[in-house]
Protein backbone atom coordinates (compact mmCIF):
# COMPACT_ATOMS: atom_id res chain seq x y z
CA MET A 1 126.27 70.29 150.07
CA THR A 2 125.16 71.86 153.35
CA GLU A 3 127.55 74.51 154.69
CA PRO A 4 130.13 73.21 157.19
CA SER A 5 128.90 72.81 160.75
CA LYS A 6 130.36 71.22 163.86
CA VAL A 7 127.23 69.02 163.94
CA ILE A 8 127.47 65.83 161.85
CA HIS A 9 124.35 63.98 160.67
CA VAL A 10 124.77 60.16 160.50
CA ARG A 11 122.26 57.94 158.63
CA ASN A 12 121.59 54.18 158.49
CA VAL A 13 122.33 53.79 162.21
CA GLY A 14 120.81 50.37 162.90
CA HIS A 15 119.59 49.17 166.29
CA GLU A 16 122.77 47.12 166.71
CA ILE A 17 124.90 50.30 166.63
CA SER A 18 125.60 51.85 170.03
CA GLU A 19 126.59 55.38 171.03
CA ASN A 20 130.02 53.99 171.81
CA ASP A 21 130.42 52.71 168.24
CA LEU A 22 129.73 56.20 166.88
CA LEU A 23 132.10 57.82 169.37
CA GLN A 24 134.89 55.49 168.22
CA LEU A 25 134.24 56.47 164.59
CA PHE A 26 134.67 60.20 165.25
CA GLN A 27 136.97 60.46 168.30
CA PRO A 28 140.16 60.36 166.16
CA PHE A 29 139.17 63.75 164.70
CA GLY A 30 138.65 65.69 167.93
CA VAL A 31 136.55 66.08 171.06
CA ILE A 32 132.86 65.15 170.77
CA THR A 33 130.70 67.40 172.93
CA LYS A 34 127.22 65.96 172.28
CA LEU A 35 125.67 62.88 170.75
CA VAL A 36 121.96 62.36 170.06
CA MET A 37 120.65 59.00 168.86
CA LEU A 38 117.47 59.39 166.78
CA ARG A 39 116.48 55.75 167.21
CA ALA A 40 113.09 56.02 165.53
CA LYS A 41 114.73 57.30 162.32
CA ASN A 42 117.90 55.13 162.44
CA GLN A 43 119.91 58.36 162.54
CA ALA A 44 122.23 60.22 164.90
CA LEU A 45 123.47 63.77 165.41
CA LEU A 46 126.97 64.29 166.73
CA GLN A 47 128.55 67.60 167.71
CA MET A 48 132.32 68.10 167.49
CA GLN A 49 134.10 70.71 169.61
CA ASP A 50 134.75 72.91 166.56
CA VAL A 51 134.06 73.16 162.80
CA PRO A 52 137.63 72.16 161.64
CA SER A 53 137.31 68.81 163.53
CA ALA A 54 134.00 68.12 161.77
CA ILE A 55 135.49 69.09 158.37
CA ASN A 56 138.45 66.73 158.92
CA ALA A 57 136.12 63.87 159.80
CA LEU A 58 133.89 64.41 156.76
CA GLN A 59 136.84 64.82 154.37
CA PHE A 60 138.28 61.54 155.64
CA TYR A 61 134.96 59.68 155.31
CA THR A 62 134.43 61.06 151.78
CA ASN A 63 137.33 58.80 150.71
CA VAL A 64 136.78 55.94 153.17
CA GLN A 65 133.34 54.38 153.51
CA PRO A 66 132.61 54.28 157.29
CA THR A 67 131.15 50.96 158.46
CA ILE A 68 130.03 49.92 161.94
CA ARG A 69 129.36 46.26 162.80
CA GLY A 70 129.29 45.41 159.09
CA ARG A 71 126.78 48.17 158.23
CA ASN A 72 127.64 51.16 155.99
CA VAL A 73 126.75 54.46 157.64
CA TYR A 74 126.46 57.76 155.74
CA VAL A 75 127.69 61.10 157.08
CA GLN A 76 127.07 64.73 156.11
CA PHE A 77 127.02 68.14 157.76
CA SER A 78 123.83 68.80 159.68
CA SER A 79 121.66 71.84 158.97
CA HIS A 80 122.03 72.58 162.72
CA GLN A 81 125.03 74.71 163.67
CA GLU A 82 124.59 73.71 167.32
CA LEU A 83 122.70 70.98 169.15
CA THR A 84 120.28 72.47 171.64
CA THR A 85 118.73 70.70 174.61
CA MET A 86 115.54 70.50 172.58
CA ASP A 87 117.28 68.45 169.86
CA GLN A 88 118.64 66.15 172.51
CA ASN A 89 115.17 65.42 173.82
CA SER A 90 113.63 65.01 170.37
CA GLN A 91 114.54 61.31 170.43
CA GLY A 92 112.15 60.84 173.36
CA ARG A 93 108.76 62.52 173.36
CA GLY A 94 110.20 66.03 173.48
CA ASP A 95 109.63 65.75 177.24
CA GLU A 96 111.44 67.39 180.11
CA PRO A 97 114.07 65.43 182.08
CA ASN A 98 112.37 63.46 184.85
CA ARG A 99 113.65 61.21 187.65
CA ILE A 100 111.64 58.30 186.15
CA LEU A 101 113.03 56.60 183.04
CA LEU A 102 111.08 54.47 180.56
CA VAL A 103 113.41 51.74 179.33
CA THR A 104 112.66 49.48 176.33
CA ILE A 105 114.93 46.48 175.77
CA HIS A 106 115.59 45.36 172.19
CA HIS A 107 117.10 42.01 171.05
CA MET A 108 116.27 40.41 174.38
CA LEU A 109 118.02 37.03 174.21
CA TYR A 110 118.10 36.72 178.02
CA PRO A 111 115.40 37.34 180.59
CA ILE A 112 115.95 40.68 182.32
CA THR A 113 114.90 40.88 185.97
CA VAL A 114 114.64 43.74 188.43
CA GLU A 115 117.98 42.63 189.90
CA VAL A 116 119.75 42.93 186.52
CA LEU A 117 118.28 46.40 185.91
CA HIS A 118 119.24 47.51 189.40
CA GLN A 119 122.85 46.42 188.81
CA VAL A 120 123.00 48.33 185.53
CA PHE A 121 121.28 51.54 186.69
CA SER A 122 122.35 51.92 190.35
CA PRO A 123 125.95 53.07 189.59
CA HIS A 124 124.38 56.38 188.45
CA GLY A 125 122.48 57.11 191.65
CA PHE A 126 120.04 55.74 194.23
CA VAL A 127 117.29 53.75 192.48
CA GLU A 128 114.07 53.91 194.53
CA LYS A 129 111.70 51.74 192.49
CA ILE A 130 111.61 49.49 189.41
CA VAL A 131 108.56 48.09 187.63
CA THR A 132 108.85 45.80 184.57
CA PHE A 133 106.14 44.83 182.08
CA GLN A 134 105.62 43.35 178.62
CA LYS A 135 104.13 45.65 175.98
CA SER A 136 103.69 45.51 172.21
CA ALA A 137 106.91 47.53 171.97
CA GLY A 138 108.64 44.66 173.80
CA PHE A 139 109.96 44.29 177.32
CA GLN A 140 109.85 47.61 179.18
CA ALA A 141 110.73 48.91 182.61
CA LEU A 142 110.10 52.08 184.60
CA ILE A 143 113.04 53.07 186.79
CA GLN A 144 112.58 55.75 189.45
CA TYR A 145 115.66 57.51 190.85
CA GLN A 146 115.74 59.57 194.03
CA LEU A 147 117.23 62.49 192.09
CA ARG A 148 116.49 63.83 188.62
CA GLN A 149 120.19 64.36 187.82
CA SER A 150 120.82 60.64 188.44
CA ALA A 151 118.22 59.76 185.79
CA VAL A 152 119.76 62.27 183.35
CA ALA A 153 123.25 60.83 183.98
CA ALA A 154 122.01 57.23 183.53
CA ARG A 155 120.26 58.06 180.28
CA THR A 156 123.31 59.90 178.91
CA SER A 157 125.63 57.04 179.82
CA LEU A 158 123.47 54.01 179.01
CA GLN A 159 121.31 54.98 176.02
CA GLY A 160 121.93 52.53 173.17
CA ARG A 161 124.28 50.33 175.23
CA ASN A 162 123.87 46.54 175.47
CA ILE A 163 123.48 44.84 178.86
CA TYR A 164 125.08 41.72 177.38
CA ASP A 165 127.41 41.64 174.40
CA GLY A 166 125.40 41.76 171.20
CA CYS A 167 121.95 41.72 172.83
CA CYS A 168 119.57 43.29 175.37
CA GLN A 169 120.00 46.84 174.03
CA LEU A 170 118.74 49.73 176.16
CA ASP A 171 116.46 52.36 174.62
CA ILE A 172 115.84 55.02 177.29
CA GLN A 173 113.34 57.90 177.41
CA PHE A 174 112.10 60.11 180.22
CA SER A 175 108.73 59.01 181.54
CA ASN A 176 105.98 61.56 182.19
CA LEU A 177 104.90 59.84 185.42
CA ASP A 178 105.47 61.56 188.78
CA GLU A 179 105.64 58.52 191.07
CA LEU A 180 105.74 54.74 190.57
CA GLN A 181 103.27 52.57 192.45
CA VAL A 182 104.87 49.28 193.61
CA ASN A 183 102.75 46.67 195.39
CA TYR A 184 105.10 43.67 195.44
CA ASN A 185 108.83 43.06 195.82
CA ASN A 186 109.76 40.27 193.41
CA ASP A 187 111.70 39.75 190.18
CA ARG A 188 109.22 41.94 188.23
CA SER A 189 108.83 44.93 190.56
CA ARG A 190 110.71 46.27 193.58
CA ASP A 191 110.49 49.20 195.98
CA PHE A 192 114.02 49.62 197.36
CA THR A 193 112.72 52.13 199.95
CA ASN A 194 110.26 49.57 201.39
CA PRO A 195 111.76 46.07 201.80
CA ASN A 196 108.67 44.88 203.75
CA LEU A 197 106.29 44.60 200.78
CA PRO A 198 104.92 41.08 200.11
CA SER A 199 106.41 39.14 197.19
CA GLU A 200 102.94 38.27 195.81
CA GLN A 201 99.55 37.05 196.93
CA LYS A 202 100.73 33.49 196.30
CA GLY A 203 103.38 33.79 199.01
CA ARG A 204 106.31 33.37 196.67
CA SER A 205 109.73 34.06 198.19
CA SER A 206 110.68 37.72 198.21
CA GLN A 207 114.35 36.72 198.01
CA PRO A 208 115.76 38.78 195.10
CA ALA A 209 115.69 36.29 192.25
CA GLY A 210 118.81 35.42 190.35
CA TYR A 211 118.37 35.10 186.60
CA GLY A 212 118.14 31.33 187.01
CA ASP A 213 115.00 31.60 189.10
CA VAL A 214 112.88 33.38 186.53
CA GLY A 215 111.41 30.18 185.15
CA VAL A 216 112.29 30.98 181.56
CA ALA A 217 113.98 28.57 179.15
CA TYR A 218 117.42 29.91 178.29
CA PRO A 219 118.67 29.77 174.73
CA GLN A 220 121.97 28.01 174.14
CA VAL A 221 123.83 30.83 172.45
CA GLY A 222 127.45 31.53 171.65
CA ILE A 223 129.89 32.40 174.38
CA ASP A 224 130.44 35.97 173.16
CA GLN A 225 126.78 36.81 173.71
CA VAL A 226 126.86 36.10 177.43
CA MET A 227 129.87 38.27 178.09
CA MET A 228 128.89 41.39 179.97
CA ALA A 229 128.94 44.18 177.43
CA ASN A 230 131.07 46.71 179.23
CA ALA A 231 133.03 47.37 182.38
CA THR A 232 130.10 49.41 183.78
CA ALA A 233 127.78 46.43 183.84
CA ILE A 234 130.51 44.15 185.19
CA ALA A 235 131.42 46.70 187.83
CA ALA A 236 127.74 46.79 188.79
CA ALA A 237 127.98 43.07 189.53
CA PHE A 238 130.81 43.91 191.94
CA GLY A 239 128.79 46.60 193.70
CA GLY A 240 129.91 49.51 191.52
CA GLY A 241 133.67 48.92 191.38
CA LEU A 242 135.96 46.18 190.11
CA PRO A 243 137.86 44.12 192.72
CA PRO A 244 141.28 45.60 193.66
CA GLY A 245 143.90 44.53 191.14
CA ILE A 246 141.38 43.92 188.31
CA SER A 247 141.68 46.41 185.43
CA GLY A 248 138.72 45.25 183.31
CA THR A 249 140.74 46.17 180.20
CA ASN A 250 142.68 42.95 179.51
CA ASP A 251 141.94 41.51 176.06
CA ARG A 252 144.04 38.31 176.25
CA CYS A 253 141.72 35.32 176.56
CA THR A 254 144.21 32.46 176.99
CA VAL A 255 145.85 31.59 180.30
CA LEU A 256 148.96 29.43 180.88
CA VAL A 257 148.79 27.27 184.03
CA SER A 258 152.03 25.68 185.22
CA ASN A 259 153.34 23.65 188.17
CA LEU A 260 150.36 21.29 187.91
CA ASN A 261 150.44 17.78 189.34
CA PRO A 262 150.21 15.85 186.02
CA ASP A 263 149.37 12.55 187.79
CA ARG A 264 146.26 14.01 189.42
CA VAL A 265 144.96 16.71 187.03
CA ASP A 266 143.13 16.33 183.70
CA GLU A 267 141.19 18.72 181.43
CA ASP A 268 137.85 18.20 183.18
CA LYS A 269 139.36 18.95 186.60
CA LEU A 270 140.92 22.17 185.27
CA PHE A 271 137.57 23.04 183.71
CA ASN A 272 135.86 22.66 187.11
CA LEU A 273 138.31 25.14 188.66
CA PHE A 274 138.60 27.74 185.90
CA SER A 275 134.86 27.74 185.09
CA LEU A 276 134.34 29.55 188.41
CA TYR A 277 135.74 32.67 186.73
CA GLY A 278 134.22 32.51 183.24
CA ASN A 279 133.17 30.31 180.35
CA ILE A 280 135.78 27.86 179.04
CA VAL A 281 136.30 27.58 175.28
CA ARG A 282 138.98 24.85 175.22
CA ILE A 283 141.82 23.38 177.28
CA LYS A 284 145.09 21.86 176.11
CA PHE A 285 147.91 20.18 178.05
CA LEU A 286 151.36 20.80 176.56
CA ARG A 287 152.82 17.55 175.29
CA ASN A 288 156.45 18.45 176.00
CA LYS A 289 155.62 19.98 179.43
CA PRO A 290 153.04 17.74 181.13
CA ASP A 291 152.76 20.09 184.13
CA HIS A 292 151.70 22.99 181.84
CA ALA A 293 148.25 23.60 180.31
CA LEU A 294 146.59 26.32 178.25
CA VAL A 295 143.05 27.42 179.18
CA GLN A 296 141.11 29.64 176.77
CA MET A 297 138.44 31.70 178.55
CA GLY A 298 135.35 33.31 177.01
CA ASP A 299 136.87 36.82 177.03
CA GLY A 300 139.75 38.87 178.39
CA PHE A 301 137.90 39.98 181.52
CA GLN A 302 137.21 36.37 182.53
CA ALA A 303 140.86 35.47 181.88
CA GLU A 304 141.91 38.37 184.10
CA LEU A 305 139.68 37.11 186.92
CA ALA A 306 141.18 33.61 186.63
CA VAL A 307 144.78 34.91 186.72
CA HIS A 308 144.01 37.26 189.61
CA PHE A 309 142.16 34.78 191.83
CA LEU A 310 144.02 31.51 191.06
CA LYS A 311 147.66 32.66 191.07
CA GLY A 312 149.38 30.79 193.91
CA ALA A 313 146.44 28.50 194.70
CA MET A 314 147.40 25.09 196.11
CA LEU A 315 146.17 21.98 194.28
CA PHE A 316 147.32 18.37 194.80
CA GLY A 317 150.41 19.49 196.72
CA LYS A 318 151.53 22.02 194.09
CA ARG A 319 151.33 25.85 194.11
CA LEU A 320 149.79 26.88 190.78
CA GLU A 321 151.40 29.51 188.58
CA VAL A 322 148.75 31.24 186.44
CA ASN A 323 149.71 33.84 183.80
CA PHE A 324 148.42 35.27 180.52
CA SER A 325 149.63 33.23 177.54
CA LYS A 326 151.36 34.74 174.53
CA HIS A 327 148.93 32.70 172.39
CA PRO A 328 145.73 34.68 171.67
CA ASN A 329 143.75 31.41 171.46
CA ILE A 330 144.17 27.64 171.36
CA THR A 331 143.84 26.10 167.90
CA GLN A 332 141.57 23.08 167.72
CA GLY A 333 143.32 19.75 167.42
CA ALA A 334 143.43 16.12 168.51
CA ASP A 335 144.98 17.07 171.86
CA THR A 336 142.51 19.89 172.74
CA HIS A 337 139.35 19.40 174.77
CA GLU A 338 136.39 21.49 173.59
CA TYR A 339 134.08 23.11 176.17
CA VAL A 340 132.60 25.98 174.14
CA ASN A 341 129.16 24.32 173.97
CA SER A 342 129.30 22.64 177.39
CA ASN A 343 126.14 23.19 179.41
CA LEU A 344 128.40 23.11 182.49
CA ASN A 345 129.77 26.55 181.57
CA ARG A 346 128.45 28.62 184.47
CA PHE A 347 128.30 32.04 182.75
CA ASN A 348 125.71 31.07 180.11
CA ARG A 349 123.20 32.25 182.70
CA ASN A 350 123.42 34.10 186.03
CA ALA A 351 126.35 36.03 184.55
CA ALA A 352 126.25 38.98 186.97
CA LYS A 353 125.55 36.73 189.94
CA ASN A 354 128.50 34.48 189.06
CA TYR A 355 130.83 37.45 188.68
CA ARG A 356 129.75 38.60 192.13
CA TYR A 357 130.74 35.27 193.67
CA CYS A 358 134.25 35.22 192.14
CA CYS A 359 136.94 34.94 194.81
CA SER A 360 140.21 33.17 195.53
CA PRO A 361 139.87 29.58 196.83
CA THR A 362 138.50 29.47 200.40
CA LYS A 363 138.01 26.69 202.97
CA MET A 364 134.22 26.89 202.52
CA ILE A 365 132.41 25.45 199.51
CA HIS A 366 128.80 25.99 198.47
CA LEU A 367 126.78 23.14 196.94
CA SER A 368 123.60 23.68 194.91
CA THR A 369 121.22 21.69 192.66
CA LEU A 370 121.08 19.05 195.40
CA PRO A 371 118.31 16.44 195.60
CA GLN A 372 115.44 17.60 197.87
CA ASP A 373 115.77 14.60 200.22
CA ILE A 374 119.57 14.72 200.62
CA SER A 375 121.08 14.37 204.12
CA GLU A 376 124.23 15.95 205.58
CA GLU A 377 125.66 12.43 206.04
CA GLU A 378 125.37 11.73 202.29
CA ILE A 379 127.11 15.03 201.49
CA VAL A 380 129.94 14.30 203.94
CA SER A 381 130.51 10.78 202.58
CA HIS A 382 130.57 12.19 199.02
CA LEU A 383 133.29 14.73 199.90
CA GLU A 384 135.28 13.44 202.87
CA GLU A 385 137.97 11.73 200.74
CA HIS A 386 139.29 15.21 199.91
CA GLY A 387 140.10 16.30 203.46
CA THR A 388 138.89 16.94 206.99
CA ILE A 389 135.38 18.38 207.06
CA VAL A 390 135.05 20.76 210.02
CA ASN A 391 131.37 21.69 209.67
CA THR A 392 128.39 21.39 207.31
CA LYS A 393 125.02 23.07 206.99
CA LEU A 394 122.08 22.06 204.82
CA PHE A 395 119.51 24.77 204.06
CA GLU A 396 116.79 25.78 201.61
CA MET A 397 116.78 28.87 199.36
CA ASN A 398 113.90 29.63 196.96
CA GLY A 399 112.62 26.12 197.66
CA LYS A 400 115.91 24.52 196.56
CA LYS A 401 118.26 22.47 198.75
CA GLN A 402 121.76 23.91 199.15
CA ALA A 403 124.68 23.23 201.49
CA LEU A 404 127.82 24.77 202.94
CA VAL A 405 130.80 22.54 203.72
CA LEU A 406 133.81 23.85 205.67
CA PHE A 407 137.14 22.07 205.16
CA GLU A 408 140.23 22.39 207.33
CA THR A 409 142.32 23.96 204.52
CA GLU A 410 141.77 25.85 201.26
CA GLU A 411 143.69 23.15 199.37
CA GLN A 412 141.22 20.46 200.52
CA ALA A 413 138.25 22.64 199.49
CA THR A 414 139.91 23.30 196.10
CA GLU A 415 140.40 19.56 195.56
CA ALA A 416 136.71 18.97 196.35
CA VAL A 417 135.66 21.63 193.78
CA VAL A 418 138.01 20.22 191.14
CA CYS A 419 136.98 16.57 191.66
CA LYS A 420 133.30 16.83 192.60
CA HIS A 421 131.78 19.81 190.75
CA ALA A 422 129.33 18.39 188.16
CA SER A 423 129.51 14.95 189.81
CA SER A 424 126.39 12.90 190.48
CA LEU A 425 125.05 12.73 194.03
CA ALA A 426 121.91 10.68 194.67
CA GLY A 427 120.89 11.12 191.03
CA SER A 428 121.49 14.89 190.75
CA ILE A 429 124.39 16.65 189.00
CA ILE A 430 125.64 18.99 191.72
CA ARG A 431 127.26 22.42 191.35
CA ILE A 432 130.09 23.47 193.66
CA SER A 433 131.73 26.87 194.10
CA PHE A 434 133.78 28.62 196.77
CA SER A 435 131.84 30.54 199.42
CA GLN A 436 133.12 33.82 200.83
CA LEU A 437 131.52 33.06 204.20
CA GLN A 438 134.11 32.59 206.93
CA SER A 439 132.07 30.33 209.19
CA ILE A 440 128.76 28.49 209.40
CA ARG A 441 126.30 30.04 211.86
CA GLU A 442 123.93 27.48 213.28
CA ASN A 443 120.95 29.86 213.17
CA SER A 444 121.61 31.32 209.71
């Protein structure tokens, strides 16, 4: 056996294993000062603060087989006594740190656009340019920071992480380019220092595309795979920091809603409201308390958003009470309504964009997926039963008809969302959410 060293050599580290997984395996034994993922060899090198910590870890894992994500990993002392900067770069091309990163994305179940990459990488520093392309190695991107230390920090923090839970894994190296050349601002390339570049010769909109505008068929995959992988990526959706009052650490998925109006509310109406904050797994009204219901969200973060933004909201004359339930989940049964595979779940796509639009109920609602030839009169007659409409505006974004409708009160707008989201208007199934705009400007 190699002589004891504070550097531990880990083998059989599959692509599905992240740096974070390895840190969790060894953190109980002491402080970890360095971690190098040798992706090409399915190995990793991990340096503890001192030799006794490494000895404790290896003695423990001699008796207990360490496994990560169902895969056995094998640990031994490394022949290195210390990890040098050279070892740390050996996973790339042995190149020097550079402000431009070459990013390869493995297990890409979702299309990745410039906007997504910008949200993930910009918390580490000012991103000047992004170029994406398809190569034999898979989907790749070049990301140019203003400062070299930002690129180093991003690589240290994000290497091996998933953008979404269980997929879209980041493999990051330093590029040897000096400057990126960007000719167009669109969903495949962007120069953030020059917003005036054309979107393309074809005159396509230079509006930053949401994931839904990429023109790619989305797979219907399980709810856990669309959850943002970590608080960093979610925080990126909120501009680098979570909304005040949101911890991002809640792990309870089920929410108890009480003080409902049982004569006016059913499962589908609750779905329309709670799906603004995450994917819905199932909903159940309590038989012995008809004004109470359980709502199981896709994950704890989504449940936290729902509790935070809906507590105290007014609906059908009642002020809602929304709290975490003591039940970890809702068991399936005759009285539960299943939504886990519903294509109306909003966070199966546009996840980051939908997180960004989360807010408490407002007087203004936003309508999308409208028919191209719809009129304001048709929209008003579809919604006016829910309250006094103060103003409306019909507009086009990325060639698609959308509308803003301002009600007199938040309760009226909430009723419109609950009753008319996913309803049919002139042959189209429309989507409704709350808008954070305070007023409708006639020239906007």
